[in-house]
Amino acid sequence: MSPSATLNAIGLLETTSIGIGFLAEDAMLKAAAVELLVARTICSGKYLVVVGGDVAAVTASVEAGATEAEGALIEQRIIPRVHADVFPAISMAAEFDAAELRALGIIETFSAASIVEVADAAAKAADVRLLRVHLAMAVGGKGFVLLSGEVAAAEAAVAVGAAVAAEEGILVSRVVIPAPSAELMREII
């Protein structure tokens, strides 16, 4: 599937086994016309697959992957009507001018898959821009989202996203940094 306007849902599948993760990924890609957004090993020897597409295709894809991953499935999620900023933030392709950032918001969760839902809720809650959605790589299987906006907007977005994570009992931290230093922002770029 080529990138298009049909990217409005995200599906995620996490397995305890790398080999079974590859098997599930193959089943997901064969089951429906979806775009592969992320597929990789993550901390603790697990495997994560993230696909995008329309809701029906993502649902069919995740269900096929979950069937193949039976016995090794940790988590599966389907997030419909995803905010458009989520897609480039997952791919670390979000463009922004660090000099224009008024505040940096950060939400961290114990679960990689959950951070996509948290980021989506935060982006929908206030006038903010998602900068990065980090899925588990080199952070012990955790996830985090970085967002920017005016201080009040960043605070509102972080509050909503953190509440989503807290409902599931997976919130690690929530932070808003007004006027982040240029040196800090270089770490994000």
N, C-alpha and C. Protein backbone atom coordinates (compact mmCIF):
# COMPACT_ATOMS: atom_id res chain seq x y z
N MET A 1 0.85 -1.18 0.00
CA MET A 1 0.00 0.00 0.00
C MET A 1 0.89 1.24 0.00
N SER A 2 0.59 2.18 -0.79
CA SER A 2 1.36 3.42 -0.79
C SER A 2 0.71 4.42 0.15
N PRO A 3 1.52 5.37 0.72
CA PRO A 3 0.94 6.34 1.63
C PRO A 3 -0.19 7.10 0.94
N SER A 4 -1.28 7.25 1.63
CA SER A 4 -2.43 7.95 1.06
C SER A 4 -3.34 8.44 2.16
N ALA A 5 -4.44 9.03 1.74
CA ALA A 5 -5.42 9.55 2.68
C ALA A 5 -6.11 8.44 3.45
N THR A 6 -5.93 7.17 3.04
CA THR A 6 -6.59 6.08 3.75
C THR A 6 -5.88 5.71 5.06
N LEU A 7 -4.77 6.36 5.36
CA LEU A 7 -4.11 6.13 6.64
C LEU A 7 -4.90 6.88 7.72
N ASN A 8 -5.84 6.18 8.34
CA ASN A 8 -6.61 6.81 9.41
C ASN A 8 -6.75 5.90 10.61
N ALA A 9 -6.10 4.75 10.58
CA ALA A 9 -6.11 3.83 11.71
C ALA A 9 -4.73 3.21 11.84
N ILE A 10 -4.41 2.83 13.07
CA ILE A 10 -3.14 2.16 13.35
C ILE A 10 -3.43 0.87 14.09
N GLY A 11 -2.71 -0.17 13.71
CA GLY A 11 -2.79 -1.45 14.42
C GLY A 11 -1.42 -1.83 14.93
N LEU A 12 -1.37 -2.36 16.14
CA LEU A 12 -0.11 -2.75 16.75
C LEU A 12 -0.22 -4.17 17.29
N LEU A 13 0.87 -4.89 17.18
CA LEU A 13 0.93 -6.24 17.71
C LEU A 13 2.32 -6.43 18.31
N GLU A 14 2.37 -6.94 19.53
CA GLU A 14 3.64 -7.18 20.22
C GLU A 14 3.69 -8.64 20.65
N THR A 15 4.82 -9.30 20.36
CA THR A 15 4.97 -10.72 20.69
C THR A 15 6.17 -10.96 21.60
N THR A 16 6.14 -12.09 22.30
CA THR A 16 7.25 -12.47 23.16
C THR A 16 8.39 -13.10 22.37
N SER A 17 8.11 -13.48 21.13
CA SER A 17 9.07 -14.20 20.29
C SER A 17 9.39 -13.41 19.03
N ILE A 18 10.65 -13.32 18.70
CA ILE A 18 11.06 -12.64 17.47
C ILE A 18 10.62 -13.43 16.24
N GLY A 19 10.85 -14.73 16.24
CA GLY A 19 10.46 -15.56 15.11
C GLY A 19 8.96 -15.53 14.86
N ILE A 20 8.19 -15.66 15.93
CA ILE A 20 6.73 -15.60 15.79
C ILE A 20 6.31 -14.19 15.39
N GLY A 21 7.06 -13.20 15.82
CA GLY A 21 6.78 -11.82 15.40
C GLY A 21 6.90 -11.66 13.90
N PHE A 22 7.95 -12.24 13.32
CA PHE A 22 8.10 -12.20 11.86
C PHE A 22 6.94 -12.93 11.17
N LEU A 23 6.56 -14.08 11.72
CA LEU A 23 5.45 -14.85 11.17
C LEU A 23 4.15 -14.03 11.21
N ALA A 24 3.89 -13.39 12.35
CA ALA A 24 2.69 -12.55 12.50
C ALA A 24 2.74 -11.36 11.55
N GLU A 25 3.91 -10.74 11.40
CA GLU A 25 4.06 -9.61 10.48
C GLU A 25 3.70 -10.03 9.06
N ASP A 26 4.22 -11.17 8.64
CA ASP A 26 3.92 -11.66 7.29
C ASP A 26 2.41 -11.87 7.12
N ALA A 27 1.77 -12.47 8.10
CA ALA A 27 0.33 -12.70 8.03
C ALA A 27 -0.43 -11.38 7.98
N MET A 28 0.03 -10.39 8.75
CA MET A 28 -0.62 -9.08 8.76
C MET A 28 -0.55 -8.41 7.40
N LEU A 29 0.61 -8.49 6.76
CA LEU A 29 0.80 -7.83 5.47
C LEU A 29 0.08 -8.55 4.33
N LYS A 30 -0.12 -9.84 4.48
CA LYS A 30 -0.85 -10.61 3.46
C LYS A 30 -2.36 -10.51 3.63
N ALA A 31 -2.82 -10.20 4.83
CA ALA A 31 -4.26 -10.23 5.14
C ALA A 31 -5.03 -9.04 4.58
N ALA A 32 -4.35 -7.89 4.44
CA ALA A 32 -5.08 -6.69 4.02
C ALA A 32 -4.11 -5.66 3.46
N ALA A 33 -4.65 -4.69 2.76
CA ALA A 33 -3.85 -3.61 2.17
C ALA A 33 -3.53 -2.59 3.26
N VAL A 34 -2.43 -2.82 3.96
CA VAL A 34 -1.97 -1.91 5.01
C VAL A 34 -0.55 -1.46 4.70
N GLU A 35 -0.16 -0.38 5.33
CA GLU A 35 1.21 0.12 5.19
C GLU A 35 1.99 -0.25 6.44
N LEU A 36 3.13 -0.87 6.26
CA LEU A 36 3.99 -1.22 7.39
C LEU A 36 4.67 0.05 7.89
N LEU A 37 4.42 0.42 9.13
CA LEU A 37 5.01 1.63 9.71
C LEU A 37 6.25 1.31 10.52
N VAL A 38 6.20 0.22 11.30
CA VAL A 38 7.34 -0.20 12.13
C VAL A 38 7.27 -1.71 12.26
N ALA A 39 8.41 -2.36 12.15
CA ALA A 39 8.52 -3.79 12.44
C ALA A 39 9.96 -4.01 12.89
N ARG A 40 10.10 -4.41 14.17
CA ARG A 40 11.46 -4.57 14.67
C ARG A 40 11.47 -5.29 16.01
N THR A 41 12.65 -5.77 16.34
CA THR A 41 12.84 -6.31 17.67
C THR A 41 12.86 -5.14 18.64
N ILE A 42 12.39 -5.40 19.84
CA ILE A 42 12.42 -4.38 20.89
C ILE A 42 13.03 -5.00 22.14
N CYS A 43 13.25 -4.18 23.12
CA CYS A 43 13.92 -4.63 24.35
C CYS A 43 13.27 -5.88 24.94
N SER A 44 14.08 -6.63 25.61
CA SER A 44 13.69 -7.88 26.27
C SER A 44 13.36 -8.98 25.29
N GLY A 45 13.88 -8.88 24.05
CA GLY A 45 13.70 -9.95 23.08
C GLY A 45 12.31 -10.09 22.52
N LYS A 46 11.57 -9.00 22.46
CA LYS A 46 10.21 -9.03 21.92
C LYS A 46 10.21 -8.48 20.49
N TYR A 47 9.06 -8.57 19.83
CA TYR A 47 8.92 -8.08 18.46
C TYR A 47 7.66 -7.23 18.38
N LEU A 48 7.77 -6.09 17.68
CA LEU A 48 6.67 -5.14 17.55
C LEU A 48 6.39 -4.89 16.08
N VAL A 49 5.10 -4.94 15.71
CA VAL A 49 4.66 -4.63 14.35
C VAL A 49 3.60 -3.55 14.44
N VAL A 50 3.75 -2.49 13.62
CA VAL A 50 2.78 -1.40 13.57
C VAL A 50 2.41 -1.19 12.11
N VAL A 51 1.10 -1.21 11.84
CA VAL A 51 0.60 -0.99 10.48
C VAL A 51 -0.41 0.15 10.47
N GLY A 52 -0.57 0.76 9.31
CA GLY A 52 -1.55 1.82 9.14
C GLY A 52 -2.41 1.54 7.92
N GLY A 53 -3.59 2.12 7.91
CA GLY A 53 -4.50 1.97 6.78
C GLY A 53 -5.89 2.39 7.18
N ASP A 54 -6.88 1.94 6.42
CA ASP A 54 -8.24 2.24 6.84
C ASP A 54 -8.63 1.26 7.95
N VAL A 55 -9.68 1.58 8.67
CA VAL A 55 -10.03 0.81 9.86
C VAL A 55 -10.27 -0.67 9.54
N ALA A 56 -10.99 -0.96 8.48
CA ALA A 56 -11.29 -2.35 8.14
C ALA A 56 -10.02 -3.13 7.80
N ALA A 57 -9.13 -2.53 7.04
CA ALA A 57 -7.89 -3.21 6.66
C ALA A 57 -7.00 -3.44 7.88
N VAL A 58 -6.88 -2.42 8.73
CA VAL A 58 -6.05 -2.55 9.94
C VAL A 58 -6.62 -3.63 10.85
N THR A 59 -7.94 -3.65 11.00
CA THR A 59 -8.58 -4.66 11.84
C THR A 59 -8.30 -6.07 11.31
N ALA A 60 -8.47 -6.28 10.02
CA ALA A 60 -8.21 -7.59 9.42
C ALA A 60 -6.75 -7.98 9.57
N SER A 61 -5.86 -7.01 9.40
CA SER A 61 -4.43 -7.26 9.50
C SER A 61 -4.05 -7.69 10.92
N VAL A 62 -4.50 -6.94 11.91
CA VAL A 62 -4.15 -7.24 13.30
C VAL A 62 -4.76 -8.58 13.73
N GLU A 63 -5.97 -8.85 13.31
CA GLU A 63 -6.59 -10.13 13.66
C GLU A 63 -5.81 -11.30 13.07
N ALA A 64 -5.35 -11.16 11.83
CA ALA A 64 -4.55 -12.22 11.21
C ALA A 64 -3.23 -12.41 11.94
N GLY A 65 -2.59 -11.31 12.31
CA GLY A 65 -1.34 -11.40 13.05
C GLY A 65 -1.52 -12.02 14.42
N ALA A 66 -2.60 -11.65 15.10
CA ALA A 66 -2.87 -12.20 16.43
C ALA A 66 -3.12 -13.71 16.37
N THR A 67 -3.78 -14.15 15.31
CA THR A 67 -4.01 -15.59 15.14
C THR A 67 -2.69 -16.33 14.99
N GLU A 68 -1.79 -15.79 14.18
CA GLU A 68 -0.48 -16.42 13.98
C GLU A 68 0.37 -16.38 15.26
N ALA A 69 0.17 -15.36 16.07
CA ALA A 69 1.00 -15.17 17.26
C ALA A 69 0.43 -15.85 18.50
N GLU A 70 -0.62 -16.62 18.33
CA GLU A 70 -1.25 -17.26 19.49
C GLU A 70 -0.20 -17.97 20.34
N GLY A 71 -0.26 -17.74 21.63
CA GLY A 71 0.70 -18.31 22.56
C GLY A 71 1.90 -17.41 22.80
N ALA A 72 2.16 -16.47 21.90
CA ALA A 72 3.29 -15.54 22.06
C ALA A 72 2.82 -14.09 22.03
N LEU A 73 1.51 -13.88 21.98
CA LEU A 73 0.96 -12.53 21.87
C LEU A 73 0.98 -11.84 23.23
N ILE A 74 1.60 -10.66 23.27
CA ILE A 74 1.61 -9.84 24.47
C ILE A 74 0.44 -8.87 24.43
N GLU A 75 0.32 -8.18 23.30
CA GLU A 75 -0.69 -7.15 23.20
C GLU A 75 -1.03 -6.90 21.74
N GLN A 76 -2.29 -6.55 21.52
CA GLN A 76 -2.73 -6.11 20.20
C GLN A 76 -3.65 -4.92 20.41
N ARG A 77 -3.54 -3.93 19.53
CA ARG A 77 -4.37 -2.73 19.61
C ARG A 77 -4.75 -2.29 18.21
N ILE A 78 -5.96 -1.76 18.12
CA ILE A 78 -6.43 -1.11 16.90
C ILE A 78 -6.92 0.26 17.33
N ILE A 79 -6.36 1.30 16.74
CA ILE A 79 -6.73 2.67 17.10
C ILE A 79 -7.33 3.32 15.86
N PRO A 80 -8.66 3.50 15.85
CA PRO A 80 -9.31 4.13 14.69
C PRO A 80 -9.22 5.65 14.73
N ARG A 81 -9.41 6.27 13.59
CA ARG A 81 -9.48 7.73 13.47
C ARG A 81 -8.29 8.42 14.17
N VAL A 82 -7.11 7.97 13.84
CA VAL A 82 -5.88 8.49 14.44
C VAL A 82 -5.59 9.89 13.93
N HIS A 83 -5.15 10.76 14.83
CA HIS A 83 -4.75 12.13 14.47
C HIS A 83 -3.61 12.06 13.44
N ALA A 84 -3.66 12.89 12.43
CA ALA A 84 -2.68 12.86 11.33
C ALA A 84 -1.24 13.04 11.79
N ASP A 85 -1.00 13.75 12.88
CA ASP A 85 0.38 13.95 13.38
C ASP A 85 1.03 12.66 13.88
N VAL A 86 0.23 11.65 14.21
CA VAL A 86 0.79 10.42 14.77
C VAL A 86 1.67 9.70 13.75
N PHE A 87 1.25 9.66 12.49
CA PHE A 87 1.99 8.89 11.48
C PHE A 87 3.43 9.39 11.29
N PRO A 88 3.66 10.69 11.02
CA PRO A 88 5.06 11.13 10.88
C PRO A 88 5.84 11.06 12.20
N ALA A 89 5.15 11.20 13.33
CA ALA A 89 5.85 11.14 14.61
C ALA A 89 6.36 9.73 14.90
N ILE A 90 5.60 8.71 14.50
CA ILE A 90 6.06 7.32 14.66
C ILE A 90 7.27 7.07 13.76
N SER A 91 7.22 7.60 12.56
CA SER A 91 8.31 7.40 11.60
C SER A 91 9.49 8.32 11.85
N MET A 92 9.40 9.16 12.87
CA MET A 92 10.40 10.17 13.20
C MET A 92 10.66 11.08 12.00
N ALA A 93 9.58 11.39 11.28
CA ALA A 93 9.66 12.25 10.10
C ALA A 93 8.93 13.57 10.32
N ALA A 94 8.51 13.84 11.55
CA ALA A 94 7.81 15.10 11.83
C ALA A 94 8.79 16.25 11.67
N GLU A 95 8.39 17.25 10.90
CA GLU A 95 9.25 18.41 10.69
C GLU A 95 8.84 19.53 11.63
N PHE A 96 9.83 20.20 12.21
CA PHE A 96 9.55 21.32 13.10
C PHE A 96 10.78 22.20 13.22
N ASP A 97 10.55 23.43 13.61
CA ASP A 97 11.62 24.39 13.82
C ASP A 97 11.82 24.52 15.33
N ALA A 98 12.93 24.03 15.83
CA ALA A 98 13.19 24.04 17.26
C ALA A 98 13.13 25.43 17.86
N ALA A 99 13.46 26.45 17.08
CA ALA A 99 13.44 27.82 17.58
C ALA A 99 12.02 28.31 17.87
N GLU A 100 11.03 27.68 17.29
CA GLU A 100 9.65 28.11 17.48
C GLU A 100 8.93 27.38 18.61
N LEU A 101 9.59 26.42 19.26
CA LEU A 101 8.93 25.65 20.30
C LEU A 101 8.77 26.47 21.58
N ARG A 102 7.55 26.58 22.06
CA ARG A 102 7.26 27.33 23.28
C ARG A 102 7.31 26.45 24.51
N ALA A 103 6.94 25.19 24.33
CA ALA A 103 6.96 24.23 25.44
C ALA A 103 7.17 22.84 24.86
N LEU A 104 7.78 21.99 25.65
CA LEU A 104 7.98 20.59 25.29
C LEU A 104 7.21 19.75 26.28
N GLY A 105 6.30 18.93 25.77
CA GLY A 105 5.54 18.01 26.62
C GLY A 105 6.03 16.60 26.40
N ILE A 106 6.11 15.82 27.48
CA ILE A 106 6.61 14.45 27.42
C ILE A 106 5.68 13.56 28.24
N ILE A 107 5.27 12.46 27.65
CA ILE A 107 4.51 11.45 28.37
C ILE A 107 5.24 10.13 28.15
N GLU A 108 5.46 9.39 29.24
CA GLU A 108 6.19 8.13 29.18
C GLU A 108 5.32 7.02 29.77
N THR A 109 5.31 5.87 29.08
CA THR A 109 4.50 4.74 29.54
C THR A 109 5.34 3.47 29.65
N PHE A 110 4.83 2.50 30.40
CA PHE A 110 5.50 1.21 30.52
C PHE A 110 5.30 0.34 29.29
N SER A 111 4.39 0.70 28.41
CA SER A 111 4.05 -0.12 27.26
C SER A 111 4.32 0.62 25.95
N ALA A 112 4.95 -0.06 25.01
CA ALA A 112 5.22 0.55 23.70
C ALA A 112 3.93 0.76 22.93
N ALA A 113 3.09 -0.25 22.89
CA ALA A 113 1.86 -0.15 22.10
C ALA A 113 0.94 0.94 22.62
N SER A 114 0.88 1.11 23.91
CA SER A 114 -0.04 2.09 24.50
C SER A 114 0.33 3.53 24.16
N ILE A 115 1.59 3.79 23.89
CA ILE A 115 2.00 5.18 23.68
C ILE A 115 1.37 5.77 22.42
N VAL A 116 1.02 4.94 21.46
CA VAL A 116 0.35 5.46 20.26
C VAL A 116 -1.03 5.99 20.62
N GLU A 117 -1.76 5.25 21.43
CA GLU A 117 -3.08 5.70 21.87
C GLU A 117 -2.97 6.96 22.73
N VAL A 118 -1.96 7.01 23.58
CA VAL A 118 -1.71 8.18 24.43
C VAL A 118 -1.39 9.40 23.56
N ALA A 119 -0.51 9.22 22.57
CA ALA A 119 -0.14 10.32 21.67
C ALA A 119 -1.34 10.82 20.89
N ASP A 120 -2.17 9.90 20.42
CA ASP A 120 -3.37 10.26 19.67
C ASP A 120 -4.31 11.10 20.54
N ALA A 121 -4.53 10.67 21.76
CA ALA A 121 -5.41 11.42 22.68
C ALA A 121 -4.84 12.80 22.97
N ALA A 122 -3.55 12.90 23.19
CA ALA A 122 -2.91 14.19 23.47
C ALA A 122 -3.04 15.13 22.29
N ALA A 123 -2.80 14.63 21.08
CA ALA A 123 -2.87 15.46 19.87
C ALA A 123 -4.28 15.97 19.63
N LYS A 124 -5.28 15.18 19.98
CA LYS A 124 -6.68 15.58 19.79
C LYS A 124 -7.17 16.54 20.87
N ALA A 125 -6.46 16.59 22.00
CA ALA A 125 -6.93 17.36 23.15
C ALA A 125 -6.62 18.85 23.08
N ALA A 126 -5.58 19.23 22.36
CA ALA A 126 -5.16 20.63 22.36
C ALA A 126 -4.39 20.95 21.09
N ASP A 127 -4.13 22.22 20.87
CA ASP A 127 -3.40 22.68 19.69
C ASP A 127 -1.90 22.46 19.91
N VAL A 128 -1.48 21.20 19.70
CA VAL A 128 -0.08 20.84 19.86
C VAL A 128 0.38 20.10 18.61
N ARG A 129 1.65 19.92 18.51
CA ARG A 129 2.25 19.19 17.39
C ARG A 129 3.04 18.02 17.96
N LEU A 130 2.78 16.83 17.47
CA LEU A 130 3.56 15.67 17.89
C LEU A 130 4.91 15.71 17.19
N LEU A 131 5.97 15.60 17.96
CA LEU A 131 7.32 15.62 17.40
C LEU A 131 7.86 14.21 17.21
N ARG A 132 7.55 13.34 18.18
CA ARG A 132 8.10 12.00 18.13
C ARG A 132 7.25 11.06 18.97
N VAL A 133 7.00 9.88 18.44
CA VAL A 133 6.38 8.80 19.20
C VAL A 133 7.40 7.67 19.18
N HIS A 134 7.99 7.41 20.33
CA HIS A 134 9.08 6.43 20.43
C HIS A 134 8.52 5.11 20.93
N LEU A 135 8.75 4.05 20.18
CA LEU A 135 8.20 2.74 20.49
C LEU A 135 9.27 1.76 20.94
N ALA A 136 9.57 1.75 22.22
CA ALA A 136 10.30 0.68 22.88
C ALA A 136 11.78 0.51 22.58
N MET A 137 12.30 1.02 21.51
CA MET A 137 13.68 0.75 21.14
C MET A 137 14.64 1.41 22.12
N ALA A 138 15.45 0.61 22.77
CA ALA A 138 16.51 1.05 23.69
C ALA A 138 15.98 1.78 24.92
N VAL A 139 14.74 1.52 25.29
CA VAL A 139 14.20 2.13 26.52
C VAL A 139 13.47 1.08 27.37
N GLY A 140 13.95 -0.15 27.33
CA GLY A 140 13.39 -1.18 28.19
C GLY A 140 11.95 -1.55 27.88
N GLY A 141 11.53 -1.40 26.63
CA GLY A 141 10.17 -1.76 26.25
C GLY A 141 9.14 -0.68 26.51
N LYS A 142 9.58 0.46 27.01
CA LYS A 142 8.65 1.56 27.28
C LYS A 142 8.39 2.37 26.01
N GLY A 143 7.48 3.30 26.10
CA GLY A 143 7.21 4.22 25.01
C GLY A 143 7.16 5.64 25.55
N PHE A 144 7.42 6.60 24.68
CA PHE A 144 7.24 8.00 25.08
C PHE A 144 6.86 8.83 23.88
N VAL A 145 6.18 9.93 24.17
CA VAL A 145 5.79 10.88 23.13
C VAL A 145 6.34 12.24 23.51
N LEU A 146 6.84 12.96 22.51
CA LEU A 146 7.28 14.35 22.66
C LEU A 146 6.34 15.21 21.83
N LEU A 147 5.84 16.29 22.43
CA LEU A 147 4.94 17.18 21.73
C LEU A 147 5.30 18.62 22.03
N SER A 148 4.83 19.53 21.20
CA SER A 148 5.13 20.94 21.42
C SER A 148 3.90 21.78 21.17
N GLY A 149 3.93 22.98 21.72
CA GLY A 149 2.86 23.95 21.55
C GLY A 149 3.06 25.07 22.56
N GLU A 150 2.08 25.94 22.65
CA GLU A 150 2.12 26.95 23.71
C GLU A 150 2.05 26.21 25.05
N VAL A 151 2.53 26.83 26.11
CA VAL A 151 2.61 26.17 27.40
C VAL A 151 1.25 25.61 27.84
N ALA A 152 0.20 26.41 27.77
CA ALA A 152 -1.12 25.94 28.21
C ALA A 152 -1.61 24.77 27.37
N ALA A 153 -1.37 24.83 26.07
CA ALA A 153 -1.79 23.74 25.19
C ALA A 153 -1.00 22.46 25.49
N ALA A 154 0.30 22.60 25.70
CA ALA A 154 1.12 21.43 26.03
C ALA A 154 0.68 20.83 27.35
N GLU A 155 0.38 21.66 28.33
CA GLU A 155 -0.09 21.16 29.63
C GLU A 155 -1.41 20.41 29.48
N ALA A 156 -2.33 20.96 28.68
CA ALA A 156 -3.62 20.31 28.47
C ALA A 156 -3.45 18.97 27.75
N ALA A 157 -2.64 18.96 26.71
CA ALA A 157 -2.42 17.73 25.95
C ALA A 157 -1.75 16.65 26.81
N VAL A 158 -0.75 17.04 27.57
CA VAL A 158 -0.06 16.09 28.44
C VAL A 158 -1.01 15.55 29.51
N ALA A 159 -1.85 16.40 30.05
CA ALA A 159 -2.82 15.95 31.06
C ALA A 159 -3.76 14.89 30.49
N VAL A 160 -4.27 15.12 29.29
CA VAL A 160 -5.19 14.16 28.68
C VAL A 160 -4.47 12.86 28.34
N GLY A 161 -3.32 12.96 27.70
CA GLY A 161 -2.56 11.75 27.36
C GLY A 161 -2.15 10.96 28.60
N ALA A 162 -1.72 11.65 29.64
CA ALA A 162 -1.33 10.99 30.88
C ALA A 162 -2.52 10.30 31.53
N ALA A 163 -3.69 10.91 31.42
CA ALA A 163 -4.90 10.30 31.99
C ALA A 163 -5.23 8.98 31.29
N VAL A 164 -5.04 8.93 29.97
CA VAL A 164 -5.28 7.70 29.21
C VAL A 164 -4.32 6.61 29.71
N ALA A 165 -3.05 6.96 29.88
CA ALA A 165 -2.07 5.99 30.37
C ALA A 165 -2.36 5.58 31.81
N ALA A 166 -2.74 6.53 32.64
CA ALA A 166 -3.03 6.24 34.05
C ALA A 166 -4.22 5.29 34.20
N GLU A 167 -5.21 5.42 33.31
CA GLU A 167 -6.37 4.52 33.35
C GLU A 167 -5.95 3.07 33.21
N GLU A 168 -4.90 2.83 32.43
CA GLU A 168 -4.41 1.47 32.22
C GLU A 168 -3.34 1.08 33.23
N GLY A 169 -2.95 2.01 34.09
CA GLY A 169 -1.93 1.73 35.08
C GLY A 169 -0.53 1.65 34.50
N ILE A 170 -0.27 2.35 33.40
CA ILE A 170 1.03 2.24 32.73
C ILE A 170 1.78 3.56 32.63
N LEU A 171 1.30 4.59 33.30
CA LEU A 171 1.97 5.89 33.25
C LEU A 171 3.26 5.85 34.06
N VAL A 172 4.35 6.27 33.43
CA VAL A 172 5.64 6.37 34.11
C VAL A 172 5.87 7.82 34.54
N SER A 173 5.72 8.75 33.58
CA SER A 173 5.92 10.16 33.92
C SER A 173 5.20 11.05 32.93
N ARG A 174 4.99 12.28 33.37
CA ARG A 174 4.43 13.34 32.52
C ARG A 174 5.15 14.62 32.89
N VAL A 175 5.62 15.33 31.85
CA VAL A 175 6.45 16.51 32.07
C VAL A 175 6.10 17.57 31.03
N VAL A 176 6.09 18.83 31.44
CA VAL A 176 6.00 19.95 30.51
C VAL A 176 7.15 20.89 30.84
N ILE A 177 7.94 21.22 29.83
CA ILE A 177 9.09 22.11 30.00
C ILE A 177 8.82 23.38 29.22
N PRO A 178 8.53 24.49 29.92
CA PRO A 178 8.33 25.76 29.21
C PRO A 178 9.67 26.26 28.64
N ALA A 179 9.65 26.83 27.48
CA ALA A 179 10.84 27.41 26.83
C ALA A 179 12.05 26.49 26.93
N PRO A 180 11.99 25.29 26.33
CA PRO A 180 13.11 24.37 26.41
C PRO A 180 14.38 24.97 25.80
N SER A 181 15.51 24.63 26.39
CA SER A 181 16.79 25.17 25.92
C SER A 181 17.11 24.64 24.53
N ALA A 182 17.88 25.40 23.79
CA ALA A 182 18.29 25.00 22.45
C ALA A 182 19.10 23.71 22.50
N GLU A 183 19.92 23.55 23.53
CA GLU A 183 20.73 22.33 23.66
C GLU A 183 19.84 21.10 23.85
N LEU A 184 18.80 21.25 24.64
CA LEU A 184 17.86 20.14 24.84
C LEU A 184 17.18 19.78 23.53
N MET A 185 16.77 20.77 22.78
CA MET A 185 16.06 20.53 21.53
C MET A 185 16.96 19.85 20.49
N ARG A 186 18.26 20.08 20.54
CA ARG A 186 19.17 19.41 19.61
C ARG A 186 19.13 17.89 19.82
N GLU A 187 18.84 17.46 21.07
CA GLU A 187 18.74 16.03 21.36
C GLU A 187 17.55 15.41 20.63
N ILE A 188 16.49 16.19 20.42
CA ILE A 188 15.28 15.69 19.77
C ILE A 188 15.47 15.63 18.27
N ILE A 189 16.13 16.62 17.72
CA ILE A 189 16.33 16.69 16.27
C ILE A 189 17.34 15.68 15.90
